């Protein structure tokens, strides 16, 4: 399961890197064309939205399904996988749509700050394109951050949906992964003496450190019931 999840994360990072690369080229091309209204260019941002959405959706769907399968296997529950798949796809589409919108808004804000700073500097147009290329708004680091965080989010959502679809008497978790950017934690389940199920936090390394290392942010939660 860990390997399958890691494969999904790597695939998403690669897809995002391509989509972000296309976005960067389009933004820089617009700047070189002296389109200083980049932030309000509807056609440009529609393209960016579609590139990012298309990059994210398949992997987010797969991560959600993987989370469902893990929970179903752990506690031996049976679910109607046809209905579950439909719900996972629907959730993934809404989640990716909301996420890409937020990514776009953050990117626009950063772009506006760079454009304003460039205008105040009095530098020639080529300097603006240099600023945008140096800003790393569209690079590998951002692709990796989004991929690790969103695979974790989708995996946790799949786990929760599997329990809900099976009609289990489970207490909703007070916290769920991803707790922070690059979080790779997940949940397992435990049945209490009163017959109710609870979610239990499991922590792993945040940046893929050595064996046995754990995320310092989530370490206090490791092994705790999320009630």
C-alpha atoms as a PDB file:
ATOM      1  CA  UNK A   1       0.000   0.000   0.000  1.00  0.00           C
ATOM      2  CA  UNK A   2       2.852   2.405   0.833  1.00  0.00           C
ATOM      3  CA  UNK A   3       4.484   1.685  -2.513  1.00  0.00           C
ATOM      4  CA  UNK A   4       1.220   2.176  -4.384  1.00  0.00           C
ATOM      5  CA  UNK A   5       0.665   5.495  -2.661  1.00  0.00           C
ATOM      6  CA  UNK A   6       4.253   6.582  -3.393  1.00  0.00           C
ATOM      7  CA  UNK A   7       3.760   5.732  -7.075  1.00  0.00           C
ATOM      8  CA  UNK A   8       0.634   7.887  -7.212  1.00  0.00           C
ATOM      9  CA  UNK A   9       2.481  10.769  -5.554  1.00  0.00           C
ATOM     10  CA  UNK A  10       5.393  10.538  -7.993  1.00  0.00           C
ATOM     11  CA  UNK A  11       3.025  10.387 -10.954  1.00  0.00           C
ATOM     12  CA  UNK A  12       1.115  13.427  -9.717  1.00  0.00           C
ATOM     13  CA  UNK A  13       4.356  15.363  -9.169  1.00  0.00           C
ATOM     14  CA  UNK A  14       5.443  14.631 -12.743  1.00  0.00           C
ATOM     15  CA  UNK A  15       2.065  15.649 -14.177  1.00  0.00           C
ATOM     16  CA  UNK A  16       2.013  18.832 -12.128  1.00  0.00           C
ATOM     17  CA  UNK A  17       5.526  19.733 -13.195  1.00  0.00           C
ATOM     18  CA  UNK A  18       4.433  19.548 -16.842  1.00  0.00           C
ATOM     19  CA  UNK A  19       1.277  21.598 -16.169  1.00  0.00           C
ATOM     20  CA  UNK A  20       3.187  24.192 -14.149  1.00  0.00           C
ATOM     21  CA  UNK A  21       5.801  24.379 -16.900  1.00  0.00           C
ATOM     22  CA  UNK A  22       3.114  25.112 -19.481  1.00  0.00           C
ATOM     23  CA  UNK A  23       1.670  27.740 -17.156  1.00  0.00           C
ATOM     24  CA  UNK A  24       5.035  29.425 -16.657  1.00  0.00           C
ATOM     25  CA  UNK A  25       5.695  29.574 -20.398  1.00  0.00           C
ATOM     26  CA  UNK A  26       2.265  31.103 -21.005  1.00  0.00           C
ATOM     27  CA  UNK A  27       2.749  33.727 -18.285  1.00  0.00           C
ATOM     28  CA  UNK A  28       6.239  34.677 -19.453  1.00  0.00           C
ATOM     29  CA  UNK A  29       5.043  34.790 -23.073  1.00  0.00           C
ATOM     30  CA  UNK A  30       2.252  37.159 -22.032  1.00  0.00           C
ATOM     31  CA  UNK A  31       4.757  39.346 -20.189  1.00  0.00           C
ATOM     32  CA  UNK A  32       7.058  39.461 -23.227  1.00  0.00           C
ATOM     33  CA  UNK A  33       4.074  40.535 -25.312  1.00  0.00           C
ATOM     34  CA  UNK A  34       3.710  43.501 -22.919  1.00  0.00           C
ATOM     35  CA  UNK A  35       0.413  42.185 -21.576  1.00  0.00           C
ATOM     36  CA  UNK A  36       0.843  43.701 -18.146  1.00  0.00           C
ATOM     37  CA  UNK A  37      -2.732  42.763 -17.259  1.00  0.00           C
ATOM     38  CA  UNK A  38      -1.572  39.163 -16.805  1.00  0.00           C
ATOM     39  CA  UNK A  39      -3.463  38.738 -13.559  1.00  0.00           C
ATOM     40  CA  UNK A  40      -6.789  39.644 -15.211  1.00  0.00           C
ATOM     41  CA  UNK A  41      -6.200  37.758 -18.478  1.00  0.00           C
ATOM     42  CA  UNK A  42      -9.225  35.422 -18.474  1.00  0.00           C
ATOM     43  CA  UNK A  43      -8.078  33.315 -21.419  1.00  0.00           C
ATOM     44  CA  UNK A  44      -4.661  32.769 -19.862  1.00  0.00           C
ATOM     45  CA  UNK A  45      -6.030  31.650 -16.505  1.00  0.00           C
ATOM     46  CA  UNK A  46      -8.640  29.406 -18.092  1.00  0.00           C
ATOM     47  CA  UNK A  47      -5.763  27.567 -19.776  1.00  0.00           C
ATOM     48  CA  UNK A  48      -3.796  27.383 -16.528  1.00  0.00           C
ATOM     49  CA  UNK A  49      -6.858  26.035 -14.724  1.00  0.00           C
ATOM     50  CA  UNK A  50      -7.397  23.284 -17.307  1.00  0.00           C
ATOM     51  CA  UNK A  51      -3.717  22.293 -17.329  1.00  0.00           C
ATOM     52  CA  UNK A  52      -3.580  21.968 -13.538  1.00  0.00           C
ATOM     53  CA  UNK A  53      -6.993  20.319 -13.210  1.00  0.00           C
ATOM     54  CA  UNK A  54      -6.133  17.756 -15.874  1.00  0.00           C
ATOM     55  CA  UNK A  55      -2.817  17.008 -14.171  1.00  0.00           C
ATOM     56  CA  UNK A  56      -4.359  16.488 -10.748  1.00  0.00           C
ATOM     57  CA  UNK A  57      -7.649  14.672 -11.243  1.00  0.00           C
ATOM     58  CA  UNK A  58      -6.507  11.128 -12.206  1.00  0.00           C
ATOM     59  CA  UNK A  59      -4.009  10.836  -9.348  1.00  0.00           C
ATOM     60  CA  UNK A  60      -6.348  12.355  -6.761  1.00  0.00           C
ATOM     61  CA  UNK A  61      -9.047   9.876  -7.798  1.00  0.00           C
ATOM     62  CA  UNK A  62      -6.599   6.981  -7.518  1.00  0.00           C
ATOM     63  CA  UNK A  63      -5.380   8.097  -4.086  1.00  0.00           C
ATOM     64  CA  UNK A  64      -8.947   8.299  -2.790  1.00  0.00           C
ATOM     65  CA  UNK A  65      -9.721   4.813  -4.111  1.00  0.00           C
ATOM     66  CA  UNK A  66      -6.530   3.469  -2.537  1.00  0.00           C
ATOM     67  CA  UNK A  67      -7.565   4.897   0.838  1.00  0.00           C
ATOM     68  CA  UNK A  68     -10.951   3.206   0.500  1.00  0.00           C
ATOM     69  CA  UNK A  69      -9.356  -0.122  -0.356  1.00  0.00           C
ATOM     70  CA  UNK A  70      -6.987   0.068   2.614  1.00  0.00           C
ATOM     71  CA  UNK A  71      -9.758   0.732   5.113  1.00  0.00           C
ATOM     72  CA  UNK A  72     -12.013  -1.950   3.618  1.00  0.00           C
ATOM     73  CA  UNK A  73      -9.195  -4.489   3.791  1.00  0.00           C
ATOM     74  CA  UNK A  74      -8.136  -3.536   7.320  1.00  0.00           C
ATOM     75  CA  UNK A  75     -11.513  -4.006   8.962  1.00  0.00           C
ATOM     76  CA  UNK A  76     -12.979  -6.542   6.533  1.00  0.00           C
ATOM     77  CA  UNK A  77     -15.908  -4.444   5.373  1.00  0.00           C
ATOM     78  CA  UNK A  78     -17.830  -4.943   2.173  1.00  0.00           C
ATOM     79  CA  UNK A  79     -18.850  -1.990   0.033  1.00  0.00           C
ATOM     80  CA  UNK A  80     -20.510  -1.491  -3.320  1.00  0.00           C
ATOM     81  CA  UNK A  81     -17.419  -0.476  -5.274  1.00  0.00           C
ATOM     82  CA  UNK A  82     -19.468   0.898  -8.160  1.00  0.00           C
ATOM     83  CA  UNK A  83     -21.139   3.452  -5.911  1.00  0.00           C
ATOM     84  CA  UNK A  84     -17.930   4.108  -4.022  1.00  0.00           C
ATOM     85  CA  UNK A  85     -16.072   4.802  -7.250  1.00  0.00           C
ATOM     86  CA  UNK A  86     -18.754   7.254  -8.369  1.00  0.00           C
ATOM     87  CA  UNK A  87     -18.540   9.093  -5.044  1.00  0.00           C
ATOM     88  CA  UNK A  88     -14.741   9.138  -5.148  1.00  0.00           C
ATOM     89  CA  UNK A  89     -14.734  10.624  -8.645  1.00  0.00           C
ATOM     90  CA  UNK A  90     -17.316  13.238  -7.659  1.00  0.00           C
ATOM     91  CA  UNK A  91     -15.343  14.231  -4.563  1.00  0.00           C
ATOM     92  CA  UNK A  92     -12.087  14.338  -6.534  1.00  0.00           C
ATOM     93  CA  UNK A  93     -13.570  16.616  -9.194  1.00  0.00           C
ATOM     94  CA  UNK A  94     -14.899  19.088  -6.618  1.00  0.00           C
ATOM     95  CA  UNK A  95     -11.716  18.961  -4.559  1.00  0.00           C
ATOM     96  CA  UNK A  96      -9.414  19.466  -7.552  1.00  0.00           C
ATOM     97  CA  UNK A  97     -11.586  22.298  -8.834  1.00  0.00           C
ATOM     98  CA  UNK A  98     -11.466  24.098  -5.489  1.00  0.00           C
ATOM     99  CA  UNK A  99      -7.750  23.432  -5.074  1.00  0.00           C
ATOM    100  CA  UNK A 100      -6.765  24.656  -8.538  1.00  0.00           C
ATOM    101  CA  UNK A 101      -8.807  27.813  -7.994  1.00  0.00           C
ATOM    102  CA  UNK A 102      -6.865  28.465  -4.766  1.00  0.00           C
ATOM    103  CA  UNK A 103      -3.544  27.739  -6.491  1.00  0.00           C
ATOM    104  CA  UNK A 104      -4.455  30.176  -9.241  1.00  0.00           C
ATOM    105  CA  UNK A 105      -5.411  32.878  -6.747  1.00  0.00           C
ATOM    106  CA  UNK A 106      -2.138  32.505  -4.827  1.00  0.00           C
ATOM    107  CA  UNK A 107      -0.182  32.564  -8.086  1.00  0.00           C
ATOM    108  CA  UNK A 108      -2.006  35.674  -9.283  1.00  0.00           C
ATOM    109  CA  UNK A 109      -1.257  37.440  -5.993  1.00  0.00           C
ATOM    110  CA  UNK A 110       2.445  36.578  -6.240  1.00  0.00           C
ATOM    111  CA  UNK A 111       2.532  37.667  -9.886  1.00  0.00           C
ATOM    112  CA  UNK A 112       0.897  40.973  -9.063  1.00  0.00           C
ATOM    113  CA  UNK A 113       3.494  41.615  -6.375  1.00  0.00           C
ATOM    114  CA  UNK A 114       6.316  40.921  -8.838  1.00  0.00           C
ATOM    115  CA  UNK A 115       4.726  43.130 -11.518  1.00  0.00           C
ATOM    116  CA  UNK A 116       4.182  45.975  -9.043  1.00  0.00           C
ATOM    117  CA  UNK A 117       7.754  45.714  -7.802  1.00  0.00           C
ATOM    118  CA  UNK A 118       9.037  45.728 -11.386  1.00  0.00           C
ATOM    119  CA  UNK A 119       6.958  48.787 -12.310  1.00  0.00           C
ATOM    120  CA  UNK A 120       8.220  50.674  -9.254  1.00  0.00           C
ATOM    121  CA  UNK A 121      11.826  49.796 -10.156  1.00  0.00           C
ATOM    122  CA  UNK A 122      11.625  51.387 -13.599  1.00  0.00           C
ATOM    123  CA  UNK A 123      13.439  48.405 -15.102  1.00  0.00           C
ATOM    124  CA  UNK A 124      12.930  47.434 -18.780  1.00  0.00           C
ATOM    125  CA  UNK A 125      10.478  44.671 -19.737  1.00  0.00           C
ATOM    126  CA  UNK A 126      13.106  41.885 -20.011  1.00  0.00           C
ATOM    127  CA  UNK A 127      13.778  42.347 -16.306  1.00  0.00           C
ATOM    128  CA  UNK A 128      10.151  41.489 -15.544  1.00  0.00           C
ATOM    129  CA  UNK A 129      10.416  38.190 -17.375  1.00  0.00           C
ATOM    130  CA  UNK A 130      13.630  37.475 -15.473  1.00  0.00           C
ATOM    131  CA  UNK A 131      11.845  38.193 -12.200  1.00  0.00           C
ATOM    132  CA  UNK A 132       9.019  35.810 -13.115  1.00  0.00           C
ATOM    133  CA  UNK A 133      11.420  33.056 -14.113  1.00  0.00           C
ATOM    134  CA  UNK A 134      13.387  33.452 -10.850  1.00  0.00           C
ATOM    135  CA  UNK A 135      10.240  33.433  -8.720  1.00  0.00           C
ATOM    136  CA  UNK A 136       9.905  29.621  -9.021  1.00  0.00           C
ATOM    137  CA  UNK A 137       6.126  29.880  -8.891  1.00  0.00           C
ATOM    138  CA  UNK A 138       5.857  26.972 -11.305  1.00  0.00           C
ATOM    139  CA  UNK A 139       8.817  24.705 -10.486  1.00  0.00           C
ATOM    140  CA  UNK A 140       9.538  21.216  -9.156  1.00  0.00           C
ATOM    141  CA  UNK A 141       9.460  22.258  -5.513  1.00  0.00           C
ATOM    142  CA  UNK A 142       5.887  23.445  -5.821  1.00  0.00           C
ATOM    143  CA  UNK A 143       4.872  20.361  -7.809  1.00  0.00           C
ATOM    144  CA  UNK A 144       6.330  18.059  -5.143  1.00  0.00           C
ATOM    145  CA  UNK A 145       4.679  19.993  -2.316  1.00  0.00           C
ATOM    146  CA  UNK A 146       1.235  19.876  -3.917  1.00  0.00           C
ATOM    147  CA  UNK A 147       1.587  16.204  -4.859  1.00  0.00           C
ATOM    148  CA  UNK A 148       2.608  14.979  -1.411  1.00  0.00           C
ATOM    149  CA  UNK A 149      -0.050  17.030   0.378  1.00  0.00           C
ATOM    150  CA  UNK A 150      -2.924  16.250  -1.962  1.00  0.00           C
ATOM    151  CA  UNK A 151      -2.281  12.511  -2.218  1.00  0.00           C
ATOM    152  CA  UNK A 152      -2.431  12.486   1.589  1.00  0.00           C
ATOM    153  CA  UNK A 153      -5.674  14.479   1.570  1.00  0.00           C
ATOM    154  CA  UNK A 154      -7.271  12.203  -1.003  1.00  0.00           C
ATOM    155  CA  UNK A 155      -6.105   9.026   0.728  1.00  0.00           C
ATOM    156  CA  UNK A 156      -7.645  10.177   4.027  1.00  0.00           C
ATOM    157  CA  UNK A 157     -10.880  11.154   2.288  1.00  0.00           C
ATOM    158  CA  UNK A 158     -11.079   7.688   0.767  1.00  0.00           C
ATOM    159  CA  UNK A 159     -10.618   6.092   4.166  1.00  0.00           C
ATOM    160  CA  UNK A 160     -13.425   8.151   5.686  1.00  0.00           C
ATOM    161  CA  UNK A 161     -15.742   7.490   2.743  1.00  0.00           C
ATOM    162  CA  UNK A 162     -15.175   3.730   2.919  1.00  0.00           C
ATOM    163  CA  UNK A 163     -16.203   3.626   6.585  1.00  0.00           C
ATOM    164  CA  UNK A 164     -19.219   5.828   5.911  1.00  0.00           C
ATOM    165  CA  UNK A 165     -20.395   3.744   2.933  1.00  0.00           C
ATOM    166  CA  UNK A 166     -20.103   0.560   4.968  1.00  0.00           C
ATOM    167  CA  UNK A 167     -22.381   2.040   7.646  1.00  0.00           C
ATOM    168  CA  UNK A 168     -19.802   1.552  10.392  1.00  0.00           C
ATOM    169  CA  UNK A 169     -20.367   3.028  13.827  1.00  0.00           C
ATOM    170  CA  UNK A 170     -17.244   5.157  13.721  1.00  0.00           C
ATOM    171  CA  UNK A 171     -16.509   8.331  15.641  1.00  0.00           C
ATOM    172  CA  UNK A 172     -15.511  11.178  13.258  1.00  0.00           C
ATOM    173  CA  UNK A 173     -11.834  12.094  13.713  1.00  0.00           C
ATOM    174  CA  UNK A 174     -11.021  15.372  15.448  1.00  0.00           C
ATOM    175  CA  UNK A 175      -8.110  15.764  13.036  1.00  0.00           C
ATOM    176  CA  UNK A 176      -7.232  14.145   9.722  1.00  0.00           C
ATOM    177  CA  UNK A 177      -4.306  14.171   7.335  1.00  0.00           C
ATOM    178  CA  UNK A 178      -2.953  16.231   5.712  1.00  0.00           C
ATOM    179  CA  UNK A 179      -2.268  18.284   8.818  1.00  0.00           C
ATOM    180  CA  UNK A 180       0.322  20.476   7.077  1.00  0.00           C
ATOM    181  CA  UNK A 181       2.044  20.843   3.679  1.00  0.00           C
ATOM    182  CA  UNK A 182       4.030  17.702   2.727  1.00  0.00           C
ATOM    183  CA  UNK A 183       2.236  15.656   5.387  1.00  0.00           C
ATOM    184  CA  UNK A 184       2.236  11.942   4.502  1.00  0.00           C
ATOM    185  CA  UNK A 185       0.422  10.602   7.574  1.00  0.00           C
ATOM    186  CA  UNK A 186      -2.615   8.343   7.412  1.00  0.00           C
ATOM    187  CA  UNK A 187      -5.272   6.781   9.648  1.00  0.00           C
ATOM    188  CA  UNK A 188      -5.951   3.260  10.813  1.00  0.00           C
ATOM    189  CA  UNK A 189      -9.005   2.003  12.724  1.00  0.00           C
ATOM    190  CA  UNK A 190      -9.481   0.466  16.166  1.00  0.00           C
ATOM    191  CA  UNK A 191     -12.608  -1.042  17.676  1.00  0.00           C
ATOM    192  CA  UNK A 192     -13.288  -0.003  21.248  1.00  0.00           C
ATOM    193  CA  UNK A 193     -14.791  -2.172  23.951  1.00  0.00           C
ATOM    194  CA  UNK A 194     -18.117  -0.397  23.516  1.00  0.00           C
ATOM    195  CA  UNK A 195     -18.228  -1.604  19.902  1.00  0.00           C
ATOM    196  CA  UNK A 196     -17.567   1.756  18.303  1.00  0.00           C
ATOM    197  CA  UNK A 197     -14.694   2.327  15.899  1.00  0.00           C
ATOM    198  CA  UNK A 198     -12.177   5.137  16.228  1.00  0.00           C
ATOM    199  CA  UNK A 199      -9.548   6.493  13.861  1.00  0.00           C
ATOM    200  CA  UNK A 200      -5.908   6.201  14.956  1.00  0.00           C
ATOM    201  CA  UNK A 201      -3.193   8.536  13.649  1.00  0.00           C
ATOM    202  CA  UNK A 202      -0.114   7.045  11.978  1.00  0.00           C
ATOM    203  CA  UNK A 203       2.924   9.230  11.346  1.00  0.00           C
ATOM    204  CA  UNK A 204       5.719   8.900   8.806  1.00  0.00           C
ATOM    205  CA  UNK A 205       8.694  10.985   7.711  1.00  0.00           C
ATOM    206  CA  UNK A 206       7.765  14.347   6.219  1.00  0.00           C
ATOM    207  CA  UNK A 207      10.522  14.529   3.638  1.00  0.00           C
ATOM    208  CA  UNK A 208      11.428  10.871   3.273  1.00  0.00           C
ATOM    209  CA  UNK A 209      14.172  10.909   5.919  1.00  0.00           C
ATOM    210  CA  UNK A 210      15.888   7.731   7.112  1.00  0.00           C
ATOM    211  CA  UNK A 211      14.068   4.582   8.284  1.00  0.00           C
ATOM    212  CA  UNK A 212      12.177   5.036  11.516  1.00  0.00           C
ATOM    213  CA  UNK A 213      12.127   8.815  11.363  1.00  0.00           C
ATOM    214  CA  UNK A 214       8.818  10.585  11.811  1.00  0.00           C
ATOM    215  CA  UNK A 215       7.394  13.981  10.962  1.00  0.00           C
ATOM    216  CA  UNK A 216       8.214  16.313  13.883  1.00  0.00           C
ATOM    217  CA  UNK A 217       4.957  18.214  13.371  1.00  0.00           C
ATOM    218  CA  UNK A 218       2.706  15.151  13.615  1.00  0.00           C
ATOM    219  CA  UNK A 219       4.846  13.009  15.936  1.00  0.00           C
ATOM    220  CA  UNK A 220       2.787  13.950  19.047  1.00  0.00           C
ATOM    221  CA  UNK A 221      -0.290  12.473  17.342  1.00  0.00           C
ATOM    222  CA  UNK A 222       1.292   9.132  16.423  1.00  0.00           C
ATOM    223  CA  UNK A 223      -0.768   6.216  17.714  1.00  0.00           C
ATOM    224  CA  UNK A 224      -3.410   8.474  19.269  1.00  0.00           C
ATOM    225  CA  UNK A 225      -7.156   7.941  18.924  1.00  0.00           C
ATOM    226  CA  UNK A 226      -8.604  10.882  17.016  1.00  0.00           C
ATOM    227  CA  UNK A 227     -11.590  11.427  19.299  1.00  0.00           C
END
